[in-house]
């Protein structure tokens, strides 16, 4: 919950000045959660991570095709979601 609240606050603060993809931040957060839990517990959920990366690509492509975001906004959203969730899940 702490990680989700931190992500929402970060997205809110960034959204005041610049448009960022909240969809990509969410899928980046889910991917980071899987990565962090797999590293922390020593599990190898490779198939789930591959599916998440493919879904991330499909979601990003859909946002580009619909002209809702540009590539920089998509990448920034994904990186922000991943960068906030991964350390919180891994270290807490």
PDB file of N, CA and C in Angstrom:
ATOM      1  N   UNK A   1       0.818  -1.196   0.000  1.00  0.00           N
ATOM      2  CA  UNK A   1       0.000   0.000   0.000  1.00  0.00           C
ATOM      3  C   UNK A   1       0.859   1.257   0.000  1.00  0.00           C
ATOM      4  N   UNK A   2       1.960   1.200   0.748  1.00  0.00           N
ATOM      5  CA  UNK A   2       2.841   2.365   0.807  1.00  0.00           C
ATOM      6  C   UNK A   2       3.379   2.687  -0.586  1.00  0.00           C
ATOM      7  N   UNK A   3       3.778   1.667  -1.303  1.00  0.00           N
ATOM      8  CA  UNK A   3       4.331   1.874  -2.637  1.00  0.00           C
ATOM      9  C   UNK A   3       3.298   2.469  -3.582  1.00  0.00           C
ATOM     10  N   UNK A   4       2.078   2.000  -3.508  1.00  0.00           N
ATOM     11  CA  UNK A   4       1.010   2.534  -4.369  1.00  0.00           C
ATOM     12  C   UNK A   4       0.709   3.990  -4.057  1.00  0.00           C
ATOM     13  N   UNK A   5       0.690   4.314  -2.785  1.00  0.00           N
ATOM     14  CA  UNK A   5       0.443   5.707  -2.390  1.00  0.00           C
ATOM     15  C   UNK A   5       1.583   6.601  -2.871  1.00  0.00           C
ATOM     16  N   UNK A   6       2.820   6.138  -2.735  1.00  0.00           N
ATOM     17  CA  UNK A   6       3.963   6.913  -3.220  1.00  0.00           C
ATOM     18  C   UNK A   6       3.892   7.127  -4.731  1.00  0.00           C
ATOM     19  N   UNK A   7       3.490   6.101  -5.454  1.00  0.00           N
ATOM     20  CA  UNK A   7       3.363   6.224  -6.907  1.00  0.00           C
ATOM     21  C   UNK A   7       2.268   7.213  -7.280  1.00  0.00           C
ATOM     22  N   UNK A   8       1.150   7.148  -6.619  1.00  0.00           N
ATOM     23  CA  UNK A   8       0.048   8.069  -6.925  1.00  0.00           C
ATOM     24  C   UNK A   8       0.450   9.506  -6.626  1.00  0.00           C
ATOM     25  N   UNK A   9       1.145   9.728  -5.525  1.00  0.00           N
ATOM     26  CA  UNK A   9       1.603  11.080  -5.189  1.00  0.00           C
ATOM     27  C   UNK A   9       2.599  11.581  -6.228  1.00  0.00           C
ATOM     28  N   UNK A  10       3.536  10.718  -6.633  1.00  0.00           N
ATOM     29  CA  UNK A  10       4.506  11.112  -7.655  1.00  0.00           C
ATOM     30  C   UNK A  10       3.819  11.433  -8.981  1.00  0.00           C
ATOM     31  N   UNK A  11       2.853  10.618  -9.369  1.00  0.00           N
ATOM     32  CA  UNK A  11       2.115  10.878 -10.610  1.00  0.00           C
ATOM     33  C   UNK A  11       1.328  12.182 -10.527  1.00  0.00           C
ATOM     34  N   UNK A  12       0.752  12.449  -9.375  1.00  0.00           N
ATOM     35  CA  UNK A  12       0.015  13.693  -9.191  1.00  0.00           C
ATOM     36  C   UNK A  12       0.924  14.901  -9.328  1.00  0.00           C
ATOM     37  N   UNK A  13       2.096  14.833  -8.696  1.00  0.00           N
ATOM     38  CA  UNK A  13       3.028  15.955  -8.757  1.00  0.00           C
ATOM     39  C   UNK A  13       3.573  16.179 -10.162  1.00  0.00           C
ATOM     40  N   UNK A  14       3.870  15.102 -10.868  1.00  0.00           N
ATOM     41  CA  UNK A  14       4.369  15.236 -12.237  1.00  0.00           C
ATOM     42  C   UNK A  14       3.270  15.732 -13.161  1.00  0.00           C
ATOM     43  N   UNK A  15       2.047  15.304 -12.935  1.00  0.00           N
ATOM     44  CA  UNK A  15       0.936  15.668 -13.821  1.00  0.00           C
ATOM     45  C   UNK A  15       0.580  17.150 -13.755  1.00  0.00           C
ATOM     46  N   UNK A  16       0.975  17.841 -12.710  1.00  0.00           N
ATOM     47  CA  UNK A  16       0.722  19.281 -12.648  1.00  0.00           C
ATOM     48  C   UNK A  16       1.520  20.031 -13.717  1.00  0.00           C
ATOM     49  N   UNK A  17       2.721  19.554 -14.016  1.00  0.00           N
ATOM     50  CA  UNK A  17       3.588  20.253 -14.959  1.00  0.00           C
ATOM     51  C   UNK A  17       3.663  19.589 -16.332  1.00  0.00           C
ATOM     52  N   UNK A  18       3.461  18.281 -16.393  1.00  0.00           N
ATOM     53  CA  UNK A  18       3.717  17.556 -17.633  1.00  0.00           C
ATOM     54  C   UNK A  18       2.787  16.353 -17.723  1.00  0.00           C
ATOM     55  N   UNK A  19       2.362  16.021 -18.926  1.00  0.00           N
ATOM     56  CA  UNK A  19       1.496  14.863 -19.119  1.00  0.00           C
ATOM     57  C   UNK A  19       2.346  13.594 -19.089  1.00  0.00           C
ATOM     58  N   UNK A  20       1.954  12.643 -18.257  1.00  0.00           N
ATOM     59  CA  UNK A  20       2.670  11.381 -18.129  1.00  0.00           C
ATOM     60  C   UNK A  20       1.651  10.253 -18.242  1.00  0.00           C
ATOM     61  N   UNK A  21       2.073   9.112 -18.733  1.00  0.00           N
ATOM     62  CA  UNK A  21       1.160   7.993 -18.936  1.00  0.00           C
ATOM     63  C   UNK A  21       0.936   7.234 -17.627  1.00  0.00           C
ATOM     64  N   UNK A  22      -0.242   7.365 -17.093  1.00  0.00           N
ATOM     65  CA  UNK A  22      -0.589   6.675 -15.850  1.00  0.00           C
ATOM     66  C   UNK A  22      -0.795   5.182 -16.121  1.00  0.00           C
ATOM     67  N   UNK A  23      -1.272   4.851 -17.317  1.00  0.00           N
ATOM     68  CA  UNK A  23      -1.434   3.439 -17.672  1.00  0.00           C
ATOM     69  C   UNK A  23      -0.090   2.716 -17.645  1.00  0.00           C
ATOM     70  N   UNK A  24       0.920   3.342 -18.217  1.00  0.00           N
ATOM     71  CA  UNK A  24       2.242   2.710 -18.249  1.00  0.00           C
ATOM     72  C   UNK A  24       2.876   2.685 -16.860  1.00  0.00           C
ATOM     73  N   UNK A  25       2.585   3.677 -16.038  1.00  0.00           N
ATOM     74  CA  UNK A  25       3.091   3.657 -14.666  1.00  0.00           C
ATOM     75  C   UNK A  25       2.504   2.470 -13.908  1.00  0.00           C
ATOM     76  N   UNK A  26       1.237   2.192 -14.157  1.00  0.00           N
ATOM     77  CA  UNK A  26       0.585   1.074 -13.466  1.00  0.00           C
ATOM     78  C   UNK A  26       1.173  -0.265 -13.913  1.00  0.00           C
ATOM     79  N   UNK A  27       1.368  -0.460 -15.204  1.00  0.00           N
ATOM     80  CA  UNK A  27       1.913  -1.738 -15.667  1.00  0.00           C
ATOM     81  C   UNK A  27       3.391  -1.848 -15.308  1.00  0.00           C
ATOM     82  N   UNK A  28       4.089  -0.727 -15.248  1.00  0.00           N
ATOM     83  CA  UNK A  28       5.474  -0.743 -14.772  1.00  0.00           C
ATOM     84  C   UNK A  28       5.552  -1.122 -13.306  1.00  0.00           C
ATOM     85  N   UNK A  29       4.582  -0.679 -12.539  1.00  0.00           N
ATOM     86  CA  UNK A  29       4.525  -1.032 -11.118  1.00  0.00           C
ATOM     87  C   UNK A  29       4.246  -2.518 -10.926  1.00  0.00           C
ATOM     88  N   UNK A  30       3.362  -3.062 -11.731  1.00  0.00           N
ATOM     89  CA  UNK A  30       3.063  -4.498 -11.641  1.00  0.00           C
ATOM     90  C   UNK A  30       4.297  -5.313 -12.024  1.00  0.00           C
ATOM     91  N   UNK A  31       4.983  -4.901 -13.079  1.00  0.00           N
ATOM     92  CA  UNK A  31       6.198  -5.594 -13.498  1.00  0.00           C
ATOM     93  C   UNK A  31       7.270  -5.511 -12.419  1.00  0.00           C
ATOM     94  N   UNK A  32       7.427  -4.349 -11.815  1.00  0.00           N
ATOM     95  CA  UNK A  32       8.409  -4.180 -10.745  1.00  0.00           C
ATOM     96  C   UNK A  32       8.080  -5.047  -9.544  1.00  0.00           C
ATOM     97  N   UNK A  33       6.811  -5.186  -9.249  1.00  0.00           N
ATOM     98  CA  UNK A  33       6.401  -6.036  -8.130  1.00  0.00           C
ATOM     99  C   UNK A  33       6.803  -7.484  -8.387  1.00  0.00           C
ATOM    100  N   UNK A  34       6.552  -7.971  -9.606  1.00  0.00           N
ATOM    101  CA  UNK A  34       6.949  -9.337  -9.935  1.00  0.00           C
ATOM    102  C   UNK A  34       8.462  -9.513  -9.868  1.00  0.00           C
ATOM    103  N   UNK A  35       9.211  -8.542 -10.413  1.00  0.00           N
ATOM    104  CA  UNK A  35      10.669  -8.616 -10.356  1.00  0.00           C
ATOM    105  C   UNK A  35      11.162  -8.630  -8.917  1.00  0.00           C
ATOM    106  N   UNK A  36      10.680  -7.705  -8.106  1.00  0.00           N
ATOM    107  CA  UNK A  36      11.155  -7.587  -6.727  1.00  0.00           C
ATOM    108  C   UNK A  36      10.823  -8.834  -5.911  1.00  0.00           C
ATOM    109  N   UNK A  37       9.616  -9.343  -6.061  1.00  0.00           N
ATOM    110  CA  UNK A  37       9.246 -10.534  -5.306  1.00  0.00           C
ATOM    111  C   UNK A  37      10.014 -11.765  -5.770  1.00  0.00           C
ATOM    112  N   UNK A  38      10.275 -11.850  -7.069  1.00  0.00           N
ATOM    113  CA  UNK A  38      11.029 -13.001  -7.550  1.00  0.00           C
ATOM    114  C   UNK A  38      12.477 -12.945  -7.078  1.00  0.00           C
ATOM    115  N   UNK A  39      13.094 -11.762  -7.049  1.00  0.00           N
ATOM    116  CA  UNK A  39      14.460 -11.644  -6.543  1.00  0.00           C
ATOM    117  C   UNK A  39      14.517 -11.854  -5.037  1.00  0.00           C
ATOM    118  N   UNK A  40      13.530 -11.344  -4.353  1.00  0.00           N
ATOM    119  CA  UNK A  40      13.524 -11.443  -2.891  1.00  0.00           C
ATOM    120  C   UNK A  40      13.316 -12.881  -2.420  1.00  0.00           C
ATOM    121  N   UNK A  41      12.420 -13.606  -3.065  1.00  0.00           N
ATOM    122  CA  UNK A  41      12.093 -14.962  -2.640  1.00  0.00           C
ATOM    123  C   UNK A  41      12.911 -16.023  -3.370  1.00  0.00           C
ATOM    124  N   UNK A  42      13.707 -15.621  -4.355  1.00  0.00           N
ATOM    125  CA  UNK A  42      14.513 -16.580  -5.086  1.00  0.00           C
ATOM    126  C   UNK A  42      13.721 -17.484  -5.999  1.00  0.00           C
ATOM    127  N   UNK A  43      12.610 -16.982  -6.507  1.00  0.00           N
ATOM    128  CA  UNK A  43      11.750 -17.754  -7.408  1.00  0.00           C
ATOM    129  C   UNK A  43      12.047 -17.304  -8.841  1.00  0.00           C
ATOM    130  N   UNK A  44      11.721 -18.138  -9.799  1.00  0.00           N
ATOM    131  CA  UNK A  44      11.944 -17.804 -11.196  1.00  0.00           C
ATOM    132  C   UNK A  44      10.621 -17.825 -11.966  1.00  0.00           C
ATOM    133  N   UNK A  45       9.824 -16.753 -11.878  1.00  0.00           N
ATOM    134  CA  UNK A  45       8.549 -16.714 -12.614  1.00  0.00           C
ATOM    135  C   UNK A  45       8.743 -16.129 -14.013  1.00  0.00           C
ATOM    136  N   UNK A  46       9.626 -16.733 -14.791  1.00  0.00           N
ATOM    137  CA  UNK A  46       9.992 -16.176 -16.090  1.00  0.00           C
ATOM    138  C   UNK A  46       8.792 -16.030 -17.018  1.00  0.00           C
ATOM    139  N   UNK A  47       7.890 -16.986 -17.019  1.00  0.00           N
ATOM    140  CA  UNK A  47       6.742 -16.895 -17.924  1.00  0.00           C
ATOM    141  C   UNK A  47       5.840 -15.712 -17.561  1.00  0.00           C
ATOM    142  N   UNK A  48       5.650 -15.479 -16.273  1.00  0.00           N
ATOM    143  CA  UNK A  48       4.814 -14.344 -15.856  1.00  0.00           C
ATOM    144  C   UNK A  48       5.479 -13.022 -16.225  1.00  0.00           C
ATOM    145  N   UNK A  49       6.778 -12.938 -16.072  1.00  0.00           N
ATOM    146  CA  UNK A  49       7.483 -11.698 -16.399  1.00  0.00           C
ATOM    147  C   UNK A  49       7.469 -11.454 -17.906  1.00  0.00           C
ATOM    148  N   UNK A  50       7.622 -12.505 -18.695  1.00  0.00           N
ATOM    149  CA  UNK A  50       7.560 -12.354 -20.147  1.00  0.00           C
ATOM    150  C   UNK A  50       6.175 -11.871 -20.564  1.00  0.00           C
ATOM    151  N   UNK A  51       5.140 -12.429 -19.973  1.00  0.00           N
ATOM    152  CA  UNK A  51       3.775 -11.989 -20.281  1.00  0.00           C
ATOM    153  C   UNK A  51       3.584 -10.526 -19.886  1.00  0.00           C
ATOM    154  N   UNK A  52       4.089 -10.133 -18.724  1.00  0.00           N
ATOM    155  CA  UNK A  52       3.954  -8.739 -18.293  1.00  0.00           C
ATOM    156  C   UNK A  52       4.687  -7.772 -19.219  1.00  0.00           C
ATOM    157  N   UNK A  53       5.862  -8.149 -19.669  1.00  0.00           N
ATOM    158  CA  UNK A  53       6.599  -7.283 -20.594  1.00  0.00           C
ATOM    159  C   UNK A  53       5.863  -7.185 -21.931  1.00  0.00           C
ATOM    160  N   UNK A  54       5.296  -8.287 -22.409  1.00  0.00           N
ATOM    161  CA  UNK A  54       4.518  -8.240 -23.648  1.00  0.00           C
ATOM    162  C   UNK A  54       3.257  -7.395 -23.498  1.00  0.00           C
ATOM    163  N   UNK A  55       2.572  -7.535 -22.377  1.00  0.00           N
ATOM    164  CA  UNK A  55       1.384  -6.714 -22.128  1.00  0.00           C
ATOM    165  C   UNK A  55       1.773  -5.239 -22.032  1.00  0.00           C
ATOM    166  N   UNK A  56       2.921  -4.957 -21.435  1.00  0.00           N
ATOM    167  CA  UNK A  56       3.405  -3.573 -21.360  1.00  0.00           C
ATOM    168  C   UNK A  56       3.611  -3.007 -22.761  1.00  0.00           C
ATOM    169  N   UNK A  57       4.220  -3.795 -23.626  1.00  0.00           N
ATOM    170  CA  UNK A  57       4.429  -3.350 -24.999  1.00  0.00           C
ATOM    171  C   UNK A  57       3.129  -3.143 -25.751  1.00  0.00           C
ATOM    172  N   UNK A  58       2.188  -4.048 -25.553  1.00  0.00           N
ATOM    173  CA  UNK A  58       0.884  -3.890 -26.206  1.00  0.00           C
ATOM    174  C   UNK A  58       0.147  -2.655 -25.701  1.00  0.00           C
ATOM    175  N   UNK A  59       0.221  -2.425 -24.403  1.00  0.00           N
ATOM    176  CA  UNK A  59      -0.451  -1.255 -23.846  1.00  0.00           C
ATOM    177  C   UNK A  59       0.193   0.033 -24.351  1.00  0.00           C
ATOM    178  N   UNK A  60       1.500   0.065 -24.395  1.00  0.00           N
ATOM    179  CA  UNK A  60       2.189   1.241 -24.919  1.00  0.00           C
ATOM    180  C   UNK A  60       1.874   1.482 -26.385  1.00  0.00           C
ATOM    181  N   UNK A  61       1.827   0.408 -27.162  1.00  0.00           N
ATOM    182  CA  UNK A  61       1.484   0.531 -28.580  1.00  0.00           C
ATOM    183  C   UNK A  61       0.071   1.049 -28.756  1.00  0.00           C
ATOM    184  N   UNK A  62      -0.850   0.575 -27.954  1.00  0.00           N
ATOM    185  CA  UNK A  62      -2.236   1.045 -28.037  1.00  0.00           C
ATOM    186  C   UNK A  62      -2.332   2.535 -27.713  1.00  0.00           C
ATOM    187  N   UNK A  63      -1.585   2.973 -26.703  1.00  0.00           N
ATOM    188  CA  UNK A  63      -1.614   4.398 -26.357  1.00  0.00           C
ATOM    189  C   UNK A  63      -1.024   5.251 -27.475  1.00  0.00           C
ATOM    190  N   UNK A  64       0.006   4.727 -28.147  1.00  0.00           N
ATOM    191  CA  UNK A  64       0.587   5.461 -29.272  1.00  0.00           C
ATOM    192  C   UNK A  64      -0.360   5.505 -30.465  1.00  0.00           C
ATOM    193  N   UNK A  65      -0.987   4.375 -30.782  1.00  0.00           N
ATOM    194  CA  UNK A  65      -1.901   4.314 -31.930  1.00  0.00           C
ATOM    195  C   UNK A  65      -3.099   5.237 -31.719  1.00  0.00           C
ATOM    196  N   UNK A  66      -3.577   5.321 -30.491  1.00  0.00           N
ATOM    197  CA  UNK A  66      -4.721   6.188 -30.186  1.00  0.00           C
ATOM    198  C   UNK A  66      -4.335   7.659 -30.041  1.00  0.00           C
ATOM    199  N   UNK A  67      -3.049   7.967 -30.153  1.00  0.00           N
ATOM    200  CA  UNK A  67      -2.528   9.334 -29.999  1.00  0.00           C
ATOM    201  C   UNK A  67      -2.879   9.947 -28.655  1.00  0.00           C
ATOM    202  N   UNK A  68      -2.880   9.136 -27.620  1.00  0.00           N
ATOM    203  CA  UNK A  68      -3.138   9.642 -26.270  1.00  0.00           C
ATOM    204  C   UNK A  68      -1.857  10.118 -25.598  1.00  0.00           C
ATOM    205  N   UNK A  69      -0.732   9.499 -25.925  1.00  0.00           N
ATOM    206  CA  UNK A  69       0.559   9.858 -25.358  1.00  0.00           C
ATOM    207  C   UNK A  69       1.622   9.735 -26.440  1.00  0.00           C
ATOM    208  N   UNK A  70       2.762  10.383 -26.198  1.00  0.00           N
ATOM    209  CA  UNK A  70       3.893  10.164 -27.091  1.00  0.00           C
ATOM    210  C   UNK A  70       4.875   9.211 -26.420  1.00  0.00           C
ATOM    211  N   UNK A  71       5.934   8.872 -27.119  1.00  0.00           N
ATOM    212  CA  UNK A  71       6.866   7.857 -26.638  1.00  0.00           C
ATOM    213  C   UNK A  71       7.551   8.276 -25.333  1.00  0.00           C
ATOM    214  N   UNK A  72       7.896   9.535 -25.201  1.00  0.00           N
ATOM    215  CA  UNK A  72       8.562  10.018 -23.996  1.00  0.00           C
ATOM    216  C   UNK A  72       7.645   9.916 -22.777  1.00  0.00           C
ATOM    217  N   UNK A  73       6.381  10.224 -22.944  1.00  0.00           N
ATOM    218  CA  UNK A  73       5.417  10.119 -21.852  1.00  0.00           C
ATOM    219  C   UNK A  73       5.216   8.674 -21.429  1.00  0.00           C
ATOM    220  N   UNK A  74       5.186   7.767 -22.399  1.00  0.00           N
ATOM    221  CA  UNK A  74       5.035   6.348 -22.095  1.00  0.00           C
ATOM    222  C   UNK A  74       6.250   5.813 -21.343  1.00  0.00           C
ATOM    223  N   UNK A  75       7.428   6.137 -21.841  1.00  0.00           N
ATOM    224  CA  UNK A  75       8.654   5.662 -21.196  1.00  0.00           C
ATOM    225  C   UNK A  75       8.793   6.245 -19.794  1.00  0.00           C
ATOM    226  N   UNK A  76       8.479   7.514 -19.640  1.00  0.00           N
ATOM    227  CA  UNK A  76       8.578   8.150 -18.319  1.00  0.00           C
ATOM    228  C   UNK A  76       7.602   7.512 -17.334  1.00  0.00           C
ATOM    229  N   UNK A  77       6.390   7.209 -17.775  1.00  0.00           N
ATOM    230  CA  UNK A  77       5.418   6.563 -16.904  1.00  0.00           C
ATOM    231  C   UNK A  77       5.868   5.182 -16.470  1.00  0.00           C
ATOM    232  N   UNK A  78       6.366   4.399 -17.424  1.00  0.00           N
ATOM    233  CA  UNK A  78       6.816   3.041 -17.105  1.00  0.00           C
ATOM    234  C   UNK A  78       8.001   3.083 -16.143  1.00  0.00           C
ATOM    235  N   UNK A  79       8.954   3.936 -16.420  1.00  0.00           N
ATOM    236  CA  UNK A  79      10.143   4.036 -15.571  1.00  0.00           C
ATOM    237  C   UNK A  79       9.777   4.539 -14.184  1.00  0.00           C
ATOM    238  N   UNK A  80       8.890   5.512 -14.096  1.00  0.00           N
ATOM    239  CA  UNK A  80       8.474   6.022 -12.787  1.00  0.00           C
ATOM    240  C   UNK A  80       7.777   4.940 -11.976  1.00  0.00           C
ATOM    241  N   UNK A  81       6.858   4.209 -12.593  1.00  0.00           N
ATOM    242  CA  UNK A  81       6.165   3.138 -11.887  1.00  0.00           C
ATOM    243  C   UNK A  81       7.120   2.048 -11.427  1.00  0.00           C
ATOM    244  N   UNK A  82       8.049   1.682 -12.286  1.00  0.00           N
ATOM    245  CA  UNK A  82       9.030   0.646 -11.936  1.00  0.00           C
ATOM    246  C   UNK A  82       9.970   1.146 -10.848  1.00  0.00           C
ATOM    247  N   UNK A  83      10.453   2.383 -10.992  1.00  0.00           N
ATOM    248  CA  UNK A  83      11.453   2.919 -10.064  1.00  0.00           C
ATOM    249  C   UNK A  83      10.901   3.155  -8.661  1.00  0.00           C
ATOM    250  N   UNK A  84       9.640   3.415  -8.546  1.00  0.00           N
ATOM    251  CA  UNK A  84       9.069   3.626  -7.210  1.00  0.00           C
ATOM    252  C   UNK A  84       8.699   2.299  -6.560  1.00  0.00           C
ATOM    253  N   UNK A  85       8.096   1.403  -7.308  1.00  0.00           N
ATOM    254  CA  UNK A  85       7.624   0.154  -6.714  1.00  0.00           C
ATOM    255  C   UNK A  85       8.730  -0.826  -6.385  1.00  0.00           C
ATOM    256  N   UNK A  86       9.737  -0.928  -7.261  1.00  0.00           N
ATOM    257  CA  UNK A  86      10.760  -1.949  -7.057  1.00  0.00           C
ATOM    258  C   UNK A  86      11.482  -1.814  -5.714  1.00  0.00           C
ATOM    259  N   UNK A  87      12.056  -0.666  -5.372  1.00  0.00           N
ATOM    260  CA  UNK A  87      12.768  -0.596  -4.088  1.00  0.00           C
ATOM    261  C   UNK A  87      11.873  -0.762  -2.881  1.00  0.00           C
ATOM    262  N   UNK A  88      10.662  -0.249  -2.960  1.00  0.00           N
ATOM    263  CA  UNK A  88       9.762  -0.371  -1.801  1.00  0.00           C
ATOM    264  C   UNK A  88       9.403  -1.829  -1.567  1.00  0.00           C
ATOM    265  N   UNK A  89       9.061  -2.558  -2.616  1.00  0.00           N
ATOM    266  CA  UNK A  89       8.700  -3.966  -2.477  1.00  0.00           C
ATOM    267  C   UNK A  89       9.923  -4.803  -2.094  1.00  0.00           C
ATOM    268  N   UNK A  90      11.059  -4.525  -2.701  1.00  0.00           N
ATOM    269  CA  UNK A  90      12.245  -5.343  -2.467  1.00  0.00           C
ATOM    270  C   UNK A  90      12.808  -5.149  -1.063  1.00  0.00           C
ATOM    271  N   UNK A  91      12.859  -3.919  -0.592  1.00  0.00           N
ATOM    272  CA  UNK A  91      13.506  -3.655   0.706  1.00  0.00           C
ATOM    273  C   UNK A  91      12.550  -3.690   1.893  1.00  0.00           C
ATOM    274  N   UNK A  92      11.263  -3.557   1.660  1.00  0.00           N
ATOM    275  CA  UNK A  92      10.327  -3.650   2.781  1.00  0.00           C
ATOM    276  C   UNK A  92       9.698  -5.006   2.738  1.00  0.00           C
TER     277      UNK A  92
END
